[in-house]
Amino acid sequence: MSEVVIVGVDGSEAGARAARFAADHVGEQGGQVVVAHVVPWSPYSVQSGPENEHRHTTKQQETRSAQEGIVDPLVAALAGAGVAVEGLVRHGHPAETLCTLVAERGAGHVVVGRRGHSRVRSLLFGSTPGNLIQIATVPVTVVP
């Protein structure tokens, strides 16, 4: 059975390196890379009435923007290198959503970049790699 590797990306160079690492890993063993971007989103966020009216549209715009600007270019690059690859965008808590994808896809490995765009956010809320290491049920590789 071929391995499925989930690679979490955020538009950073570290995320791109993680995708290349996952592709190299899968290329050696056969399998598929699922390039996943998670837009941080909570159903419990406080919003005004007008914001709630546009929430669905906003989510659709965020999804389309992330798909076109982050996921699709990586998918095209990996596919061009002969890797079986799929891309997707989800909304939610990044580490929890990546773990959900592991279960849905039967993945055996998660790969992420060490640092995304915001050091301040990581200091305040914890990093996605740090959270993944704590909650994942499969091996996690953090690429510098």
N, C-alpha and C. Protein backbone atom coordinates (compact mmCIF):
# COMPACT_ATOMS: atom_id res chain seq x y z
N MET A 1 0.84 -1.18 0.00
CA MET A 1 0.00 0.00 0.00
C MET A 1 0.89 1.24 0.00
N SER A 2 0.54 2.22 -0.81
CA SER A 2 1.36 3.42 -0.88
C SER A 2 1.00 4.39 0.24
N GLU A 3 1.99 5.13 0.67
CA GLU A 3 1.82 6.04 1.79
C GLU A 3 1.20 7.37 1.34
N VAL A 4 0.36 7.91 2.19
CA VAL A 4 -0.17 9.25 2.01
C VAL A 4 0.53 10.14 3.02
N VAL A 5 1.06 11.27 2.55
CA VAL A 5 1.72 12.23 3.41
C VAL A 5 0.94 13.55 3.34
N ILE A 6 0.54 14.04 4.49
CA ILE A 6 -0.11 15.35 4.57
C ILE A 6 0.98 16.38 4.79
N VAL A 7 1.00 17.42 3.97
CA VAL A 7 1.96 18.51 4.19
C VAL A 7 1.17 19.79 4.41
N GLY A 8 1.37 20.37 5.59
CA GLY A 8 0.71 21.62 5.93
C GLY A 8 1.53 22.78 5.43
N VAL A 9 0.90 23.67 4.67
CA VAL A 9 1.60 24.82 4.11
C VAL A 9 0.87 26.11 4.48
N ASP A 10 1.63 27.20 4.52
CA ASP A 10 1.05 28.49 4.91
C ASP A 10 1.49 29.63 4.02
N GLY A 11 2.11 29.34 2.91
CA GLY A 11 2.57 30.39 2.01
C GLY A 11 3.98 30.86 2.30
N SER A 12 4.60 30.34 3.34
CA SER A 12 5.96 30.73 3.69
C SER A 12 6.97 29.86 2.94
N GLU A 13 8.22 30.31 2.94
CA GLU A 13 9.29 29.51 2.33
C GLU A 13 9.46 28.19 3.09
N ALA A 14 9.29 28.21 4.40
CA ALA A 14 9.39 26.98 5.18
C ALA A 14 8.32 25.97 4.75
N GLY A 15 7.14 26.46 4.44
CA GLY A 15 6.07 25.58 3.95
C GLY A 15 6.42 24.98 2.59
N ALA A 16 7.02 25.79 1.73
CA ALA A 16 7.45 25.28 0.41
C ALA A 16 8.53 24.21 0.57
N ARG A 17 9.47 24.44 1.50
CA ARG A 17 10.50 23.42 1.76
C ARG A 17 9.87 22.14 2.29
N ALA A 18 8.85 22.27 3.13
CA ALA A 18 8.14 21.09 3.66
C ALA A 18 7.49 20.31 2.53
N ALA A 19 6.91 21.02 1.57
CA ALA A 19 6.27 20.35 0.43
C ALA A 19 7.31 19.60 -0.40
N ARG A 20 8.46 20.22 -0.63
CA ARG A 20 9.53 19.54 -1.40
C ARG A 20 10.04 18.32 -0.64
N PHE A 21 10.19 18.45 0.68
CA PHE A 21 10.63 17.32 1.50
C PHE A 21 9.63 16.17 1.39
N ALA A 22 8.34 16.48 1.51
CA ALA A 22 7.30 15.45 1.41
C ALA A 22 7.33 14.78 0.05
N ALA A 23 7.52 15.58 -1.00
CA ALA A 23 7.57 15.02 -2.36
C ALA A 23 8.76 14.09 -2.52
N ASP A 24 9.92 14.47 -1.98
CA ASP A 24 11.10 13.60 -2.03
C ASP A 24 10.84 12.30 -1.28
N HIS A 25 10.20 12.39 -0.12
CA HIS A 25 9.89 11.20 0.69
C HIS A 25 8.94 10.27 -0.07
N VAL A 26 7.91 10.82 -0.64
CA VAL A 26 6.93 10.02 -1.38
C VAL A 26 7.55 9.47 -2.65
N GLY A 27 8.39 10.27 -3.31
CA GLY A 27 9.03 9.82 -4.54
C GLY A 27 9.89 8.60 -4.33
N GLU A 28 10.51 8.50 -3.15
CA GLU A 28 11.36 7.35 -2.83
C GLU A 28 10.53 6.09 -2.57
N GLN A 29 9.34 6.27 -2.01
CA GLN A 29 8.54 5.12 -1.57
C GLN A 29 7.26 4.93 -2.36
N GLY A 30 6.93 5.86 -3.23
CA GLY A 30 5.64 5.82 -3.91
C GLY A 30 4.58 6.31 -2.94
N GLY A 31 3.51 6.82 -3.45
CA GLY A 31 2.45 7.32 -2.60
C GLY A 31 1.95 8.65 -3.08
N GLN A 32 1.28 9.36 -2.19
CA GLN A 32 0.64 10.61 -2.55
C GLN A 32 0.93 11.68 -1.50
N VAL A 33 1.11 12.91 -1.98
CA VAL A 33 1.23 14.07 -1.11
C VAL A 33 -0.08 14.83 -1.16
N VAL A 34 -0.61 15.17 0.00
CA VAL A 34 -1.78 16.03 0.09
C VAL A 34 -1.30 17.37 0.65
N VAL A 35 -1.28 18.38 -0.19
CA VAL A 35 -0.86 19.72 0.19
C VAL A 35 -2.08 20.41 0.79
N ALA A 36 -1.99 20.77 2.07
CA ALA A 36 -3.14 21.32 2.78
C ALA A 36 -2.81 22.66 3.42
N HIS A 37 -3.66 23.62 3.17
CA HIS A 37 -3.57 24.91 3.85
C HIS A 37 -4.80 25.04 4.73
N VAL A 38 -4.58 25.41 5.99
CA VAL A 38 -5.70 25.59 6.91
C VAL A 38 -5.81 27.08 7.25
N VAL A 39 -6.95 27.65 6.91
CA VAL A 39 -7.23 29.04 7.25
C VAL A 39 -7.71 29.04 8.69
N PRO A 40 -6.99 29.70 9.59
CA PRO A 40 -7.43 29.73 10.98
C PRO A 40 -8.85 30.31 11.08
N TRP A 41 -9.73 29.56 11.73
CA TRP A 41 -11.13 29.97 11.81
C TRP A 41 -11.76 29.29 13.01
N SER A 42 -12.59 30.02 13.69
CA SER A 42 -13.30 29.45 14.84
C SER A 42 -14.77 29.78 14.74
N PRO A 43 -15.63 28.80 14.97
CA PRO A 43 -17.07 29.08 14.97
C PRO A 43 -17.48 29.90 16.19
N TYR A 44 -16.57 30.07 17.11
CA TYR A 44 -16.90 30.78 18.36
C TYR A 44 -16.39 32.22 18.38
N SER A 45 -15.86 32.70 17.26
CA SER A 45 -15.35 34.07 17.25
C SER A 45 -16.51 35.06 17.38
N VAL A 46 -16.25 36.18 18.02
CA VAL A 46 -17.26 37.20 18.23
C VAL A 46 -17.29 38.09 16.99
N GLN A 47 -18.48 38.24 16.43
CA GLN A 47 -18.62 39.05 15.23
C GLN A 47 -19.87 39.91 15.36
N SER A 48 -19.85 41.02 14.66
CA SER A 48 -21.01 41.90 14.63
C SER A 48 -22.06 41.33 13.67
N GLY A 49 -23.25 41.89 13.72
CA GLY A 49 -24.30 41.46 12.80
C GLY A 49 -23.90 41.55 11.34
N PRO A 50 -23.38 42.72 10.91
CA PRO A 50 -22.95 42.81 9.50
C PRO A 50 -21.85 41.80 9.14
N GLU A 51 -20.93 41.56 10.07
CA GLU A 51 -19.86 40.57 9.81
C GLU A 51 -20.46 39.18 9.65
N ASN A 52 -21.43 38.83 10.48
CA ASN A 52 -22.08 37.53 10.36
C ASN A 52 -22.81 37.36 9.04
N GLU A 53 -23.39 38.45 8.54
CA GLU A 53 -24.10 38.39 7.26
C GLU A 53 -23.15 38.01 6.12
N HIS A 54 -21.89 38.41 6.25
CA HIS A 54 -20.92 38.17 5.17
C HIS A 54 -19.96 37.03 5.48
N ARG A 55 -20.18 36.33 6.56
CA ARG A 55 -19.23 35.31 7.00
C ARG A 55 -19.03 34.20 5.97
N HIS A 56 -20.13 33.70 5.40
CA HIS A 56 -20.03 32.62 4.41
C HIS A 56 -19.25 33.10 3.18
N THR A 57 -19.57 34.31 2.71
CA THR A 57 -18.86 34.86 1.56
C THR A 57 -17.39 35.06 1.86
N THR A 58 -17.09 35.53 3.06
CA THR A 58 -15.70 35.74 3.46
C THR A 58 -14.94 34.41 3.47
N LYS A 59 -15.57 33.35 4.00
CA LYS A 59 -14.91 32.04 4.01
C LYS A 59 -14.64 31.56 2.59
N GLN A 60 -15.59 31.76 1.69
CA GLN A 60 -15.39 31.34 0.31
C GLN A 60 -14.24 32.11 -0.34
N GLN A 61 -14.17 33.42 -0.08
CA GLN A 61 -13.09 34.24 -0.63
C GLN A 61 -11.74 33.81 -0.07
N GLU A 62 -11.68 33.54 1.24
CA GLU A 62 -10.43 33.08 1.86
C GLU A 62 -9.99 31.74 1.26
N THR A 63 -10.96 30.86 1.06
CA THR A 63 -10.65 29.55 0.49
C THR A 63 -10.10 29.69 -0.92
N ARG A 64 -10.77 30.48 -1.74
CA ARG A 64 -10.33 30.67 -3.13
C ARG A 64 -8.96 31.32 -3.18
N SER A 65 -8.75 32.34 -2.36
CA SER A 65 -7.46 33.02 -2.32
C SER A 65 -6.33 32.09 -1.91
N ALA A 66 -6.55 31.29 -0.86
CA ALA A 66 -5.53 30.34 -0.41
C ALA A 66 -5.29 29.25 -1.44
N GLN A 67 -6.35 28.78 -2.08
CA GLN A 67 -6.20 27.73 -3.10
C GLN A 67 -5.34 28.24 -4.25
N GLU A 68 -5.69 29.44 -4.75
CA GLU A 68 -4.99 29.98 -5.92
C GLU A 68 -3.59 30.50 -5.59
N GLY A 69 -3.43 31.09 -4.41
CA GLY A 69 -2.16 31.74 -4.09
C GLY A 69 -1.15 30.89 -3.37
N ILE A 70 -1.61 29.86 -2.66
CA ILE A 70 -0.70 29.05 -1.85
C ILE A 70 -0.66 27.61 -2.34
N VAL A 71 -1.82 26.98 -2.43
CA VAL A 71 -1.87 25.53 -2.70
C VAL A 71 -1.60 25.19 -4.17
N ASP A 72 -2.32 25.83 -5.08
CA ASP A 72 -2.19 25.47 -6.50
C ASP A 72 -0.76 25.58 -7.04
N PRO A 73 0.01 26.65 -6.71
CA PRO A 73 1.39 26.69 -7.22
C PRO A 73 2.26 25.53 -6.71
N LEU A 74 2.07 25.12 -5.45
CA LEU A 74 2.84 23.99 -4.93
C LEU A 74 2.41 22.68 -5.58
N VAL A 75 1.10 22.52 -5.76
CA VAL A 75 0.59 21.31 -6.42
C VAL A 75 1.15 21.21 -7.84
N ALA A 76 1.14 22.33 -8.56
CA ALA A 76 1.66 22.33 -9.93
C ALA A 76 3.15 21.97 -9.96
N ALA A 77 3.91 22.53 -9.03
CA ALA A 77 5.35 22.24 -8.99
C ALA A 77 5.61 20.76 -8.69
N LEU A 78 4.89 20.21 -7.73
CA LEU A 78 5.10 18.80 -7.37
C LEU A 78 4.61 17.87 -8.47
N ALA A 79 3.48 18.20 -9.07
CA ALA A 79 2.96 17.37 -10.17
C ALA A 79 3.92 17.40 -11.35
N GLY A 80 4.52 18.57 -11.60
CA GLY A 80 5.49 18.70 -12.67
C GLY A 80 6.73 17.85 -12.44
N ALA A 81 6.98 17.54 -11.17
CA ALA A 81 8.13 16.69 -10.82
C ALA A 81 7.73 15.21 -10.78
N GLY A 82 6.49 14.92 -11.18
CA GLY A 82 6.06 13.53 -11.26
C GLY A 82 5.50 12.94 -9.97
N VAL A 83 5.13 13.78 -9.02
CA VAL A 83 4.60 13.31 -7.74
C VAL A 83 3.08 13.26 -7.81
N ALA A 84 2.49 12.20 -7.28
CA ALA A 84 1.04 12.14 -7.14
C ALA A 84 0.66 13.11 -6.03
N VAL A 85 -0.11 14.15 -6.38
CA VAL A 85 -0.37 15.22 -5.42
C VAL A 85 -1.81 15.72 -5.55
N GLU A 86 -2.33 16.13 -4.42
CA GLU A 86 -3.66 16.73 -4.35
C GLU A 86 -3.54 17.95 -3.44
N GLY A 87 -4.31 18.98 -3.70
CA GLY A 87 -4.29 20.17 -2.85
C GLY A 87 -5.66 20.47 -2.33
N LEU A 88 -5.70 21.01 -1.11
CA LEU A 88 -6.98 21.40 -0.54
C LEU A 88 -6.80 22.49 0.49
N VAL A 89 -7.90 23.19 0.75
CA VAL A 89 -7.94 24.25 1.75
C VAL A 89 -9.09 23.94 2.69
N ARG A 90 -8.81 24.08 3.98
CA ARG A 90 -9.84 23.89 5.01
C ARG A 90 -9.81 25.08 5.95
N HIS A 91 -10.87 25.25 6.70
CA HIS A 91 -10.94 26.25 7.76
C HIS A 91 -10.94 25.53 9.09
N GLY A 92 -10.27 26.10 10.09
CA GLY A 92 -10.28 25.51 11.43
C GLY A 92 -9.00 25.80 12.17
N HIS A 93 -8.80 25.08 13.25
CA HIS A 93 -7.56 25.16 14.01
C HIS A 93 -6.52 24.38 13.21
N PRO A 94 -5.39 24.99 12.84
CA PRO A 94 -4.47 24.31 11.93
C PRO A 94 -4.02 22.91 12.36
N ALA A 95 -3.51 22.75 13.57
CA ALA A 95 -3.02 21.44 13.99
C ALA A 95 -4.15 20.41 14.06
N GLU A 96 -5.27 20.80 14.62
CA GLU A 96 -6.40 19.87 14.73
C GLU A 96 -6.93 19.48 13.36
N THR A 97 -6.99 20.44 12.45
CA THR A 97 -7.49 20.15 11.11
C THR A 97 -6.54 19.24 10.34
N LEU A 98 -5.25 19.45 10.49
CA LEU A 98 -4.28 18.54 9.84
C LEU A 98 -4.43 17.13 10.40
N CYS A 99 -4.66 17.00 11.70
CA CYS A 99 -4.87 15.67 12.29
C CYS A 99 -6.16 15.03 11.79
N THR A 100 -7.19 15.83 11.57
CA THR A 100 -8.42 15.31 10.99
C THR A 100 -8.16 14.78 9.58
N LEU A 101 -7.35 15.52 8.82
CA LEU A 101 -7.00 15.06 7.47
C LEU A 101 -6.23 13.74 7.51
N VAL A 102 -5.36 13.59 8.49
CA VAL A 102 -4.62 12.32 8.65
C VAL A 102 -5.61 11.17 8.76
N ALA A 103 -6.62 11.34 9.60
CA ALA A 103 -7.62 10.28 9.80
C ALA A 103 -8.45 10.07 8.54
N GLU A 104 -8.88 11.14 7.91
CA GLU A 104 -9.72 11.02 6.70
C GLU A 104 -8.98 10.34 5.56
N ARG A 105 -7.71 10.63 5.39
CA ARG A 105 -6.94 10.12 4.26
C ARG A 105 -6.13 8.87 4.59
N GLY A 106 -6.14 8.45 5.85
CA GLY A 106 -5.32 7.30 6.24
C GLY A 106 -3.84 7.59 6.08
N ALA A 107 -3.45 8.83 6.32
CA ALA A 107 -2.06 9.23 6.14
C ALA A 107 -1.18 8.63 7.22
N GLY A 108 0.08 8.41 6.86
CA GLY A 108 1.03 7.84 7.80
C GLY A 108 2.09 8.82 8.27
N HIS A 109 1.96 10.09 7.84
CA HIS A 109 3.03 11.05 8.12
C HIS A 109 2.49 12.46 7.88
N VAL A 110 2.94 13.41 8.68
CA VAL A 110 2.62 14.83 8.48
C VAL A 110 3.94 15.58 8.39
N VAL A 111 4.02 16.51 7.45
CA VAL A 111 5.21 17.33 7.29
C VAL A 111 4.78 18.80 7.31
N VAL A 112 5.50 19.61 8.09
CA VAL A 112 5.24 21.05 8.14
C VAL A 112 6.56 21.79 8.20
N GLY A 113 6.51 23.07 7.87
CA GLY A 113 7.68 23.92 8.02
C GLY A 113 7.81 24.37 9.46
N ARG A 114 9.03 24.66 9.87
CA ARG A 114 9.28 25.04 11.26
C ARG A 114 8.64 26.35 11.62
N ARG A 115 8.72 27.33 10.75
CA ARG A 115 8.21 28.65 11.11
C ARG A 115 7.46 29.23 9.93
N GLY A 116 6.27 29.74 10.23
CA GLY A 116 5.47 30.43 9.22
C GLY A 116 5.77 31.91 9.21
N HIS A 117 4.73 32.68 9.07
CA HIS A 117 4.90 34.12 8.91
C HIS A 117 4.99 34.90 10.21
N SER A 118 4.39 34.43 11.29
CA SER A 118 4.27 35.29 12.47
C SER A 118 4.90 34.70 13.72
N ARG A 119 6.01 35.29 14.14
CA ARG A 119 6.65 34.87 15.39
C ARG A 119 5.81 35.28 16.60
N VAL A 120 5.18 36.45 16.52
CA VAL A 120 4.37 36.94 17.64
C VAL A 120 3.20 36.00 17.89
N ARG A 121 2.50 35.61 16.82
CA ARG A 121 1.38 34.70 16.97
C ARG A 121 1.84 33.38 17.60
N SER A 122 2.98 32.88 17.16
CA SER A 122 3.51 31.63 17.72
C SER A 122 3.80 31.77 19.21
N LEU A 123 4.36 32.91 19.59
CA LEU A 123 4.65 33.13 21.01
C LEU A 123 3.38 33.21 21.85
N LEU A 124 2.35 33.83 21.30
CA LEU A 124 1.11 34.00 22.06
C LEU A 124 0.26 32.73 22.10
N PHE A 125 0.15 32.05 20.98
CA PHE A 125 -0.80 30.95 20.87
C PHE A 125 -0.17 29.58 20.66
N GLY A 126 1.14 29.53 20.52
CA GLY A 126 1.79 28.27 20.22
C GLY A 126 1.88 28.08 18.72
N SER A 127 2.83 27.30 18.30
CA SER A 127 3.03 27.10 16.86
C SER A 127 2.30 25.86 16.39
N THR A 128 1.98 25.85 15.11
CA THR A 128 1.35 24.67 14.53
C THR A 128 2.25 23.44 14.68
N PRO A 129 3.57 23.54 14.37
CA PRO A 129 4.41 22.35 14.58
C PRO A 129 4.41 21.87 16.03
N GLY A 130 4.50 22.80 16.97
CA GLY A 130 4.49 22.41 18.39
C GLY A 130 3.19 21.73 18.79
N ASN A 131 2.09 22.27 18.30
CA ASN A 131 0.79 21.65 18.60
C ASN A 131 0.66 20.28 17.94
N LEU A 132 1.12 20.17 16.70
CA LEU A 132 1.05 18.88 16.00
C LEU A 132 1.84 17.80 16.72
N ILE A 133 3.03 18.15 17.15
CA ILE A 133 3.87 17.17 17.84
C ILE A 133 3.15 16.61 19.06
N GLN A 134 2.36 17.45 19.71
CA GLN A 134 1.65 17.02 20.91
C GLN A 134 0.42 16.18 20.63
N ILE A 135 -0.28 16.45 19.52
CA ILE A 135 -1.58 15.78 19.32
C ILE A 135 -1.62 14.76 18.18
N ALA A 136 -0.63 14.75 17.31
CA ALA A 136 -0.68 13.85 16.16
C ALA A 136 -0.55 12.39 16.57
N THR A 137 -1.22 11.54 15.81
CA THR A 137 -1.17 10.09 16.04
C THR A 137 -0.22 9.40 15.08
N VAL A 138 0.42 10.19 14.20
CA VAL A 138 1.39 9.67 13.25
C VAL A 138 2.67 10.50 13.37
N PRO A 139 3.77 10.02 12.81
CA PRO A 139 5.00 10.81 12.88
C PRO A 139 4.85 12.18 12.21
N VAL A 140 5.50 13.17 12.83
CA VAL A 140 5.50 14.54 12.32
C VAL A 140 6.93 14.93 12.01
N THR A 141 7.17 15.42 10.81
CA THR A 141 8.48 15.95 10.46
C THR A 141 8.36 17.46 10.35
N VAL A 142 9.22 18.16 11.06
CA VAL A 142 9.26 19.61 11.00
C VAL A 142 10.51 20.00 10.21
N VAL A 143 10.29 20.66 9.09
CA VAL A 143 11.38 21.01 8.17
C VAL A 143 11.85 22.43 8.47
N PRO A 144 13.16 22.63 8.69
CA PRO A 144 13.65 23.99 8.97
C PRO A 144 13.57 24.89 7.73
